[in-house]
Amino acid sequence: MTFNRNALPAVADVLALLSIEPTRSNGSGYAQVKCPIHGESNPSLSIHLERGNWRCFACGEAGGDALELYRRARGLTFAQAARDLGAWEGK
């Protein structure tokens, strides 16, 4: 079993799986969204729509890619999240 980073869906697709609607991105490629980790009504999580790195300015959580955001939001292990997103190959 191996992880294939190239098989990960686009950041926008991962956000859609989490039922998150991003705002327009700013000039640097970041958009503000509602944090799926701590649940909130105001967008305080900033995510880069191409690279996937993110940080929530309310709860302090941060990560390097959309896979990590998906994993933490759903309470999954790395392998479970990679399987859900189609990036875990093998049995």
PDB file of N, CA and C in Angstrom:
ATOM      1  N   MET A   1       0.848  -1.178   0.000  1.00  0.00           N
ATOM      2  CA  MET A   1       0.000   0.000   0.000  1.00  0.00           C
ATOM      3  C   MET A   1       0.893   1.240   0.000  1.00  0.00           C
ATOM      4  N   THR A   2       0.562   2.158  -0.851  1.00  0.00           N
ATOM      5  CA  THR A   2       1.368   3.367  -0.949  1.00  0.00           C
ATOM      6  C   THR A   2       0.483   4.589  -1.153  1.00  0.00           C
ATOM      7  N   PHE A   3       1.020   5.704  -0.728  1.00  0.00           N
ATOM      8  CA  PHE A   3       0.349   6.980  -0.894  1.00  0.00           C
ATOM      9  C   PHE A   3       0.831   7.607  -2.195  1.00  0.00           C
ATOM     10  N   ASN A   4      -0.109   8.082  -3.018  1.00  0.00           N
ATOM     11  CA  ASN A   4       0.226   8.740  -4.282  1.00  0.00           C
ATOM     12  C   ASN A   4      -0.300  10.169  -4.236  1.00  0.00           C
ATOM     13  N   ARG A   5       0.575  11.109  -3.902  1.00  0.00           N
ATOM     14  CA  ARG A   5       0.190  12.524  -3.792  1.00  0.00           C
ATOM     15  C   ARG A   5      -0.413  13.051  -5.090  1.00  0.00           C
ATOM     16  N   ASN A   6       0.061  12.549  -6.226  1.00  0.00           N
ATOM     17  CA  ASN A   6      -0.444  13.016  -7.520  1.00  0.00           C
ATOM     18  C   ASN A   6      -1.899  12.628  -7.770  1.00  0.00           C
ATOM     19  N   ALA A   7      -2.407  11.667  -7.009  1.00  0.00           N
ATOM     20  CA  ALA A   7      -3.797  11.232  -7.175  1.00  0.00           C
ATOM     21  C   ALA A   7      -4.775  12.043  -6.322  1.00  0.00           C
ATOM     22  N   LEU A   8      -4.261  12.943  -5.491  1.00  0.00           N
ATOM     23  CA  LEU A   8      -5.152  13.766  -4.661  1.00  0.00           C
ATOM     24  C   LEU A   8      -6.005  14.673  -5.539  1.00  0.00           C
ATOM     25  N   PRO A   9      -7.269  14.873  -5.160  1.00  0.00           N
ATOM     26  CA  PRO A   9      -8.104  15.814  -5.917  1.00  0.00           C
ATOM     27  C   PRO A   9      -7.652  17.253  -5.695  1.00  0.00           C
ATOM     28  N   ALA A  10      -8.134  18.136  -6.539  1.00  0.00           N
ATOM     29  CA  ALA A  10      -7.831  19.558  -6.401  1.00  0.00           C
ATOM     30  C   ALA A  10      -8.355  20.072  -5.062  1.00  0.00           C
ATOM     31  N   VAL A  11      -7.748  21.129  -4.574  1.00  0.00           N
ATOM     32  CA  VAL A  11      -8.142  21.732  -3.291  1.00  0.00           C
ATOM     33  C   VAL A  11      -9.635  22.065  -3.293  1.00  0.00           C
ATOM     34  N   ALA A  12     -10.138  22.631  -4.361  1.00  0.00           N
ATOM     35  CA  ALA A  12     -11.564  22.988  -4.440  1.00  0.00           C
ATOM     36  C   ALA A  12     -12.450  21.749  -4.297  1.00  0.00           C
ATOM     37  N   ASP A  13     -12.014  20.615  -4.822  1.00  0.00           N
ATOM     38  CA  ASP A  13     -12.793  19.380  -4.704  1.00  0.00           C
ATOM     39  C   ASP A  13     -12.800  18.857  -3.268  1.00  0.00           C
ATOM     40  N   VAL A  14     -11.675  18.989  -2.583  1.00  0.00           N
ATOM     41  CA  VAL A  14     -11.612  18.584  -1.170  1.00  0.00           C
ATOM     42  C   VAL A  14     -12.531  19.473  -0.341  1.00  0.00           C
ATOM     43  N   LEU A  15     -12.521  20.772  -0.606  1.00  0.00           N
ATOM     44  CA  LEU A  15     -13.416  21.683   0.112  1.00  0.00           C
ATOM     45  C   LEU A  15     -14.874  21.313  -0.142  1.00  0.00           C
ATOM     46  N   ALA A  16     -15.205  20.949  -1.368  1.00  0.00           N
ATOM     47  CA  ALA A  16     -16.578  20.549  -1.694  1.00  0.00           C
ATOM     48  C   ALA A  16     -16.980  19.296  -0.916  1.00  0.00           C
ATOM     49  N   LEU A  17     -16.056  18.339  -0.753  1.00  0.00           N
ATOM     50  CA  LEU A  17     -16.343  17.139   0.029  1.00  0.00           C
ATOM     51  C   LEU A  17     -16.647  17.485   1.487  1.00  0.00           C
ATOM     52  N   LEU A  18     -16.055  18.567   1.961  1.00  0.00           N
ATOM     53  CA  LEU A  18     -16.287  19.033   3.335  1.00  0.00           C
ATOM     54  C   LEU A  18     -17.449  20.017   3.416  1.00  0.00           C
ATOM     55  N   SER A  19     -18.152  20.209   2.300  1.00  0.00           N
ATOM     56  CA  SER A  19     -19.277  21.156   2.221  1.00  0.00           C
ATOM     57  C   SER A  19     -18.853  22.575   2.578  1.00  0.00           C
ATOM     58  N   ILE A  20     -17.689  22.963   2.076  1.00  0.00           N
ATOM     59  CA  ILE A  20     -17.153  24.301   2.317  1.00  0.00           C
ATOM     60  C   ILE A  20     -17.154  25.070   1.009  1.00  0.00           C
ATOM     61  N   GLU A  21     -17.716  26.250   1.050  1.00  0.00           N
ATOM     62  CA  GLU A  21     -17.738  27.133  -0.113  1.00  0.00           C
ATOM     63  C   GLU A  21     -16.700  28.232   0.082  1.00  0.00           C
ATOM     64  N   PRO A  22     -15.607  28.204  -0.706  1.00  0.00           N
ATOM     65  CA  PRO A  22     -14.595  29.245  -0.517  1.00  0.00           C
ATOM     66  C   PRO A  22     -15.034  30.588  -1.086  1.00  0.00           C
ATOM     67  N   THR A  23     -14.515  31.650  -0.486  1.00  0.00           N
ATOM     68  CA  THR A  23     -14.719  32.986  -1.036  1.00  0.00           C
ATOM     69  C   THR A  23     -13.775  33.147  -2.216  1.00  0.00           C
ATOM     70  N   ARG A  24     -13.899  34.248  -2.910  1.00  0.00           N
ATOM     71  CA  ARG A  24     -12.931  34.546  -3.963  1.00  0.00           C
ATOM     72  C   ARG A  24     -11.542  34.583  -3.361  1.00  0.00           C
ATOM     73  N   SER A  25     -10.574  34.116  -4.129  1.00  0.00           N
ATOM     74  CA  SER A  25      -9.212  34.177  -3.612  1.00  0.00           C
ATOM     75  C   SER A  25      -8.667  35.595  -3.757  1.00  0.00           C
ATOM     76  N   ASN A  26      -7.742  35.928  -2.871  1.00  0.00           N
ATOM     77  CA  ASN A  26      -7.104  37.236  -2.959  1.00  0.00           C
ATOM     78  C   ASN A  26      -5.970  37.160  -3.980  1.00  0.00           C
ATOM     79  N   GLY A  27      -5.224  38.195  -4.126  1.00  0.00           N
ATOM     80  CA  GLY A  27      -4.144  38.231  -5.105  1.00  0.00           C
ATOM     81  C   GLY A  27      -3.051  37.209  -4.863  1.00  0.00           C
ATOM     82  N   SER A  28      -2.958  36.685  -3.650  1.00  0.00           N
ATOM     83  CA  SER A  28      -1.937  35.690  -3.310  1.00  0.00           C
ATOM     84  C   SER A  28      -2.441  34.261  -3.475  1.00  0.00           C
ATOM     85  N   GLY A  29      -3.725  34.093  -3.832  1.00  0.00           N
ATOM     86  CA  GLY A  29      -4.273  32.752  -4.028  1.00  0.00           C
ATOM     87  C   GLY A  29      -4.971  32.164  -2.818  1.00  0.00           C
ATOM     88  N   TYR A  30      -5.129  32.948  -1.747  1.00  0.00           N
ATOM     89  CA  TYR A  30      -5.791  32.465  -0.531  1.00  0.00           C
ATOM     90  C   TYR A  30      -7.265  32.855  -0.526  1.00  0.00           C
ATOM     91  N   ALA A  31      -8.078  31.971   0.031  1.00  0.00           N
ATOM     92  CA  ALA A  31      -9.501  32.252   0.218  1.00  0.00           C
ATOM     93  C   ALA A  31      -9.834  32.047   1.686  1.00  0.00           C
ATOM     94  N   GLN A  32     -10.868  32.710   2.169  1.00  0.00           N
ATOM     95  CA  GLN A  32     -11.351  32.552   3.541  1.00  0.00           C
ATOM     96  C   GLN A  32     -12.535  31.602   3.535  1.00  0.00           C
ATOM     97  N   VAL A  33     -12.532  30.651   4.475  1.00  0.00           N
ATOM     98  CA  VAL A  33     -13.630  29.698   4.601  1.00  0.00           C
ATOM     99  C   VAL A  33     -13.956  29.501   6.077  1.00  0.00           C
ATOM    100  N   LYS A  34     -15.099  28.904   6.330  1.00  0.00           N
ATOM    101  CA  LYS A  34     -15.458  28.535   7.700  1.00  0.00           C
ATOM    102  C   LYS A  34     -14.653  27.301   8.087  1.00  0.00           C
ATOM    103  N   CYS A  35     -14.089  27.309   9.274  1.00  0.00           N
ATOM    104  CA  CYS A  35     -13.231  26.214   9.723  1.00  0.00           C
ATOM    105  C   CYS A  35     -14.060  24.961  10.014  1.00  0.00           C
ATOM    106  N   PRO A  36     -13.777  23.847   9.314  1.00  0.00           N
ATOM    107  CA  PRO A  36     -14.531  22.616   9.562  1.00  0.00           C
ATOM    108  C   PRO A  36     -14.036  21.860  10.793  1.00  0.00           C
ATOM    109  N   ILE A  37     -12.952  22.306  11.388  1.00  0.00           N
ATOM    110  CA  ILE A  37     -12.399  21.602  12.551  1.00  0.00           C
ATOM    111  C   ILE A  37     -13.122  22.005  13.827  1.00  0.00           C
ATOM    112  N   HIS A  38     -13.296  23.292  14.034  1.00  0.00           N
ATOM    113  CA  HIS A  38     -13.940  23.727  15.276  1.00  0.00           C
ATOM    114  C   HIS A  38     -15.372  24.213  15.064  1.00  0.00           C
ATOM    115  N   GLY A  39     -15.829  24.298  13.823  1.00  0.00           N
ATOM    116  CA  GLY A  39     -17.210  24.719  13.564  1.00  0.00           C
ATOM    117  C   GLY A  39     -17.417  26.170  13.965  1.00  0.00           C
ATOM    118  N   GLU A  40     -17.916  26.938  13.040  1.00  0.00           N
ATOM    119  CA  GLU A  40     -18.100  28.351  13.315  1.00  0.00           C
ATOM    120  C   GLU A  40     -19.058  28.951  12.307  1.00  0.00           C
ATOM    121  N   SER A  41     -19.421  30.199  12.522  1.00  0.00           N
ATOM    122  CA  SER A  41     -20.317  30.863  11.580  1.00  0.00           C
ATOM    123  C   SER A  41     -19.603  31.918  10.748  1.00  0.00           C
ATOM    124  N   ASN A  42     -18.368  32.257  11.124  1.00  0.00           N
ATOM    125  CA  ASN A  42     -17.599  33.259  10.381  1.00  0.00           C
ATOM    126  C   ASN A  42     -16.371  32.608   9.740  1.00  0.00           C
ATOM    127  N   PRO A  43     -16.041  32.985   8.516  1.00  0.00           N
ATOM    128  CA  PRO A  43     -14.849  32.414   7.883  1.00  0.00           C
ATOM    129  C   PRO A  43     -13.558  32.943   8.514  1.00  0.00           C
ATOM    130  N   SER A  44     -12.827  32.049   9.180  1.00  0.00           N
ATOM    131  CA  SER A  44     -11.575  32.444   9.809  1.00  0.00           C
ATOM    132  C   SER A  44     -10.413  31.577   9.351  1.00  0.00           C
ATOM    133  N   LEU A  45     -10.686  30.599   8.493  1.00  0.00           N
ATOM    134  CA  LEU A  45      -9.634  29.734   7.986  1.00  0.00           C
ATOM    135  C   LEU A  45      -9.217  30.259   6.614  1.00  0.00           C
ATOM    136  N   SER A  46      -7.920  30.422   6.449  1.00  0.00           N
ATOM    137  CA  SER A  46      -7.367  30.890   5.185  1.00  0.00           C
ATOM    138  C   SER A  46      -6.685  29.706   4.511  1.00  0.00           C
ATOM    139  N   ILE A  47      -7.047  29.404   3.250  1.00  0.00           N
ATOM    140  CA  ILE A  47      -6.483  28.267   2.527  1.00  0.00           C
ATOM    141  C   ILE A  47      -6.042  28.707   1.139  1.00  0.00           C
ATOM    142  N   HIS A  48      -4.880  28.221   0.736  1.00  0.00           N
ATOM    143  CA  HIS A  48      -4.386  28.530  -0.611  1.00  0.00           C
ATOM    144  C   HIS A  48      -5.085  27.572  -1.570  1.00  0.00           C
ATOM    145  N   LEU A  49      -5.754  28.108  -2.562  1.00  0.00           N
ATOM    146  CA  LEU A  49      -6.594  27.297  -3.432  1.00  0.00           C
ATOM    147  C   LEU A  49      -5.830  26.437  -4.436  1.00  0.00           C
ATOM    148  N   GLU A  50      -4.538  26.627  -4.562  1.00  0.00           N
ATOM    149  CA  GLU A  50      -3.740  25.747  -5.423  1.00  0.00           C
ATOM    150  C   GLU A  50      -2.858  24.813  -4.608  1.00  0.00           C
ATOM    151  N   ARG A  51      -2.132  25.359  -3.642  1.00  0.00           N
ATOM    152  CA  ARG A  51      -1.205  24.541  -2.847  1.00  0.00           C
ATOM    153  C   ARG A  51      -1.907  23.777  -1.728  1.00  0.00           C
ATOM    154  N   GLY A  52      -2.956  24.354  -1.168  1.00  0.00           N
ATOM    155  CA  GLY A  52      -3.702  23.687  -0.107  1.00  0.00           C
ATOM    156  C   GLY A  52      -3.247  23.995   1.302  1.00  0.00           C
ATOM    157  N   ASN A  53      -2.145  24.719   1.486  1.00  0.00           N
ATOM    158  CA  ASN A  53      -1.740  25.043   2.855  1.00  0.00           C
ATOM    159  C   ASN A  53      -2.787  25.968   3.482  1.00  0.00           C
ATOM    160  N   TRP A  54      -2.989  25.826   4.787  1.00  0.00           N
ATOM    161  CA  TRP A  54      -4.087  26.529   5.447  1.00  0.00           C
ATOM    162  C   TRP A  54      -3.750  26.842   6.899  1.00  0.00           C
ATOM    163  N   ARG A  55      -4.525  27.787   7.447  1.00  0.00           N
ATOM    164  CA  ARG A  55      -4.412  28.162   8.863  1.00  0.00           C
ATOM    165  C   ARG A  55      -5.733  28.779   9.304  1.00  0.00           C
ATOM    166  N   CYS A  56      -6.197  28.347  10.478  1.00  0.00           N
ATOM    167  CA  CYS A  56      -7.390  28.946  11.070  1.00  0.00           C
ATOM    168  C   CYS A  56      -6.922  29.962  12.097  1.00  0.00           C
ATOM    169  N   PHE A  57      -7.364  31.191  11.932  1.00  0.00           N
ATOM    170  CA  PHE A  57      -6.950  32.254  12.831  1.00  0.00           C
ATOM    171  C   PHE A  57      -7.818  32.328  14.081  1.00  0.00           C
ATOM    172  N   ALA A  58      -8.835  31.458  14.177  1.00  0.00           N
ATOM    173  CA  ALA A  58      -9.661  31.403  15.379  1.00  0.00           C
ATOM    174  C   ALA A  58      -9.182  30.300  16.332  1.00  0.00           C
ATOM    175  N   CYS A  59      -8.998  29.080  15.797  1.00  0.00           N
ATOM    176  CA  CYS A  59      -8.618  27.970  16.679  1.00  0.00           C
ATOM    177  C   CYS A  59      -7.124  27.665  16.652  1.00  0.00           C
ATOM    178  N   GLY A  60      -6.397  28.243  15.679  1.00  0.00           N
ATOM    179  CA  GLY A  60      -4.952  28.063  15.623  1.00  0.00           C
ATOM    180  C   GLY A  60      -4.479  26.836  14.867  1.00  0.00           C
ATOM    181  N   GLU A  61      -5.388  25.996  14.398  1.00  0.00           N
ATOM    182  CA  GLU A  61      -4.985  24.812  13.631  1.00  0.00           C
ATOM    183  C   GLU A  61      -4.378  25.252  12.306  1.00  0.00           C
ATOM    184  N   ALA A  62      -3.404  24.476  11.816  1.00  0.00           N
ATOM    185  CA  ALA A  62      -2.760  24.789  10.542  1.00  0.00           C
ATOM    186  C   ALA A  62      -2.229  23.507   9.936  1.00  0.00           C
ATOM    187  N   GLY A  63      -2.066  23.511   8.624  1.00  0.00           N
ATOM    188  CA  GLY A  63      -1.537  22.334   7.950  1.00  0.00           C
ATOM    189  C   GLY A  63      -0.978  22.668   6.590  1.00  0.00           C
ATOM    190  N   GLY A  64      -0.255  21.707   6.035  1.00  0.00           N
ATOM    191  CA  GLY A  64       0.454  21.921   4.787  1.00  0.00           C
ATOM    192  C   GLY A  64      -0.302  21.592   3.526  1.00  0.00           C
ATOM    193  N   ASP A  65      -1.440  20.885   3.658  1.00  0.00           N
ATOM    194  CA  ASP A  65      -2.189  20.560   2.441  1.00  0.00           C
ATOM    195  C   ASP A  65      -3.649  20.264   2.755  1.00  0.00           C
ATOM    196  N   ALA A  66      -4.448  20.141   1.688  1.00  0.00           N
ATOM    197  CA  ALA A  66      -5.881  19.907   1.852  1.00  0.00           C
ATOM    198  C   ALA A  66      -6.167  18.524   2.419  1.00  0.00           C
ATOM    199  N   LEU A  67      -5.280  17.556   2.197  1.00  0.00           N
ATOM    200  CA  LEU A  67      -5.439  16.221   2.782  1.00  0.00           C
ATOM    201  C   LEU A  67      -5.442  16.326   4.304  1.00  0.00           C
ATOM    202  N   GLU A  68      -4.542  17.125   4.852  1.00  0.00           N
ATOM    203  CA  GLU A  68      -4.479  17.298   6.307  1.00  0.00           C
ATOM    204  C   GLU A  68      -5.734  17.989   6.841  1.00  0.00           C
ATOM    205  N   LEU A  69      -6.248  18.961   6.120  1.00  0.00           N
ATOM    206  CA  LEU A  69      -7.491  19.618   6.532  1.00  0.00           C
ATOM    207  C   LEU A  69      -8.634  18.609   6.535  1.00  0.00           C
ATOM    208  N   TYR A  70      -8.740  17.808   5.476  1.00  0.00           N
ATOM    209  CA  TYR A  70      -9.779  16.779   5.381  1.00  0.00           C
ATOM    210  C   TYR A  70      -9.640  15.777   6.530  1.00  0.00           C
ATOM    211  N   ARG A  71      -8.412  15.332   6.786  1.00  0.00           N
ATOM    212  CA  ARG A  71      -8.146  14.352   7.844  1.00  0.00           C
ATOM    213  C   ARG A  71      -8.590  14.875   9.206  1.00  0.00           C
ATOM    214  N   ARG A  72      -8.197  16.099   9.529  1.00  0.00           N
ATOM    215  CA  ARG A  72      -8.541  16.657  10.843  1.00  0.00           C
ATOM    216  C   ARG A  72     -10.037  16.960  10.959  1.00  0.00           C
ATOM    217  N   ALA A  73     -10.643  17.453   9.891  1.00  0.00           N
ATOM    218  CA  ALA A  73     -12.071  17.775   9.922  1.00  0.00           C
ATOM    219  C   ALA A  73     -12.925  16.523  10.119  1.00  0.00           C
ATOM    220  N   ARG A  74     -12.497  15.406   9.558  1.00  0.00           N
ATOM    221  CA  ARG A  74     -13.257  14.156   9.651  1.00  0.00           C
ATOM    222  C   ARG A  74     -12.778  13.238  10.774  1.00  0.00           C
ATOM    223  N   GLY A  75     -11.699  13.582  11.446  1.00  0.00           N
ATOM    224  CA  GLY A  75     -11.173  12.764  12.537  1.00  0.00           C
ATOM    225  C   GLY A  75     -10.638  11.423  12.057  1.00  0.00           C
ATOM    226  N   LEU A  76      -9.946  11.425  10.927  1.00  0.00           N
ATOM    227  CA  LEU A  76      -9.443  10.200  10.310  1.00  0.00           C
ATOM    228  C   LEU A  76      -7.938  10.064  10.476  1.00  0.00           C
ATOM    229  N   THR A  77      -7.454   8.846  10.266  1.00  0.00           N
ATOM    230  CA  THR A  77      -6.016   8.653  10.173  1.00  0.00           C
ATOM    231  C   THR A  77      -5.570   9.120   8.791  1.00  0.00           C
ATOM    232  N   PHE A  78      -4.261   9.241   8.621  1.00  0.00           N
ATOM    233  CA  PHE A  78      -3.729   9.642   7.329  1.00  0.00           C
ATOM    234  C   PHE A  78      -4.171   8.664   6.234  1.00  0.00           C
ATOM    235  N   ALA A  79      -4.012   7.371   6.493  1.00  0.00           N
ATOM    236  CA  ALA A  79      -4.361   6.350   5.493  1.00  0.00           C
ATOM    237  C   ALA A  79      -5.852   6.386   5.156  1.00  0.00           C
ATOM    238  N   GLN A  80      -6.712   6.550   6.167  1.00  0.00           N
ATOM    239  CA  GLN A  80      -8.154   6.625   5.911  1.00  0.00           C
ATOM    240  C   GLN A  80      -8.491   7.830   5.040  1.00  0.00           C
ATOM    241  N   ALA A  81      -7.904   8.977   5.351  1.00  0.00           N
ATOM    242  CA  ALA A  81      -8.171  10.187   4.574  1.00  0.00           C
ATOM    243  C   ALA A  81      -7.654  10.025   3.149  1.00  0.00           C
ATOM    244  N   ALA A  82      -6.459   9.458   2.988  1.00  0.00           N
ATOM    245  CA  ALA A  82      -5.894   9.244   1.651  1.00  0.00           C
ATOM    246  C   ALA A  82      -6.777   8.294   0.851  1.00  0.00           C
ATOM    247  N   ARG A  83      -7.316   7.248   1.491  1.00  0.00           N
ATOM    248  CA  ARG A  83      -8.250   6.335   0.807  1.00  0.00           C
ATOM    249  C   ARG A  83      -9.498   7.075   0.360  1.00  0.00           C
ATOM    250  N   ASP A  84     -10.085   7.849   1.263  1.00  0.00           N
ATOM    251  CA  ASP A  84     -11.297   8.619   0.939  1.00  0.00           C
ATOM    252  C   ASP A  84     -11.077   9.520  -0.270  1.00  0.00           C
ATOM    253  N   LEU A  85      -9.877  10.077  -0.374  1.00  0.00           N
ATOM    254  CA  LEU A  85      -9.588  11.029  -1.439  1.00  0.00           C
ATOM    255  C   LEU A  85      -8.997  10.366  -2.691  1.00  0.00           C
ATOM    256  N   GLY A  86      -8.899   9.032  -2.664  1.00  0.00           N
ATOM    257  CA  GLY A  86      -8.438   8.299  -3.846  1.00  0.00           C
ATOM    258  C   GLY A  86      -6.930   8.325  -4.062  1.00  0.00           C
ATOM    259  N   ALA A  87      -6.166   8.571  -3.013  1.00  0.00           N
ATOM    260  CA  ALA A  87      -4.714   8.671  -3.161  1.00  0.00           C
ATOM    261  C   ALA A  87      -3.976   7.542  -2.463  1.00  0.00           C
ATOM    262  N   TRP A  88      -4.681   6.492  -2.059  1.00  0.00           N
ATOM    263  CA  TRP A  88      -4.052   5.358  -1.397  1.00  0.00           C
ATOM    264  C   TRP A  88      -4.165   4.182  -2.346  1.00  0.00           C
ATOM    265  N   GLU A  89      -3.036   3.680  -2.803  1.00  0.00           N
ATOM    266  CA  GLU A  89      -3.032   2.627  -3.795  1.00  0.00           C
ATOM    267  C   GLU A  89      -2.672   1.287  -3.175  1.00  0.00           C
ATOM    268  N   GLY A  90      -3.287   0.250  -3.652  1.00  0.00           N
ATOM    269  CA  GLY A  90      -3.024  -1.087  -3.151  1.00  0.00           C
ATOM    270  C   GLY A  90      -4.127  -1.545  -2.233  1.00  0.00           C
ATOM    271  N   LYS A  91      -3.947  -2.706  -1.674  1.00  0.00           N
ATOM    272  CA  LYS A  91      -4.964  -3.309  -0.798  1.00  0.00           C
ATOM    273  C   LYS A  91      -4.775  -2.910   0.625  1.00  0.00           C
TER     274      LYS A  91
END
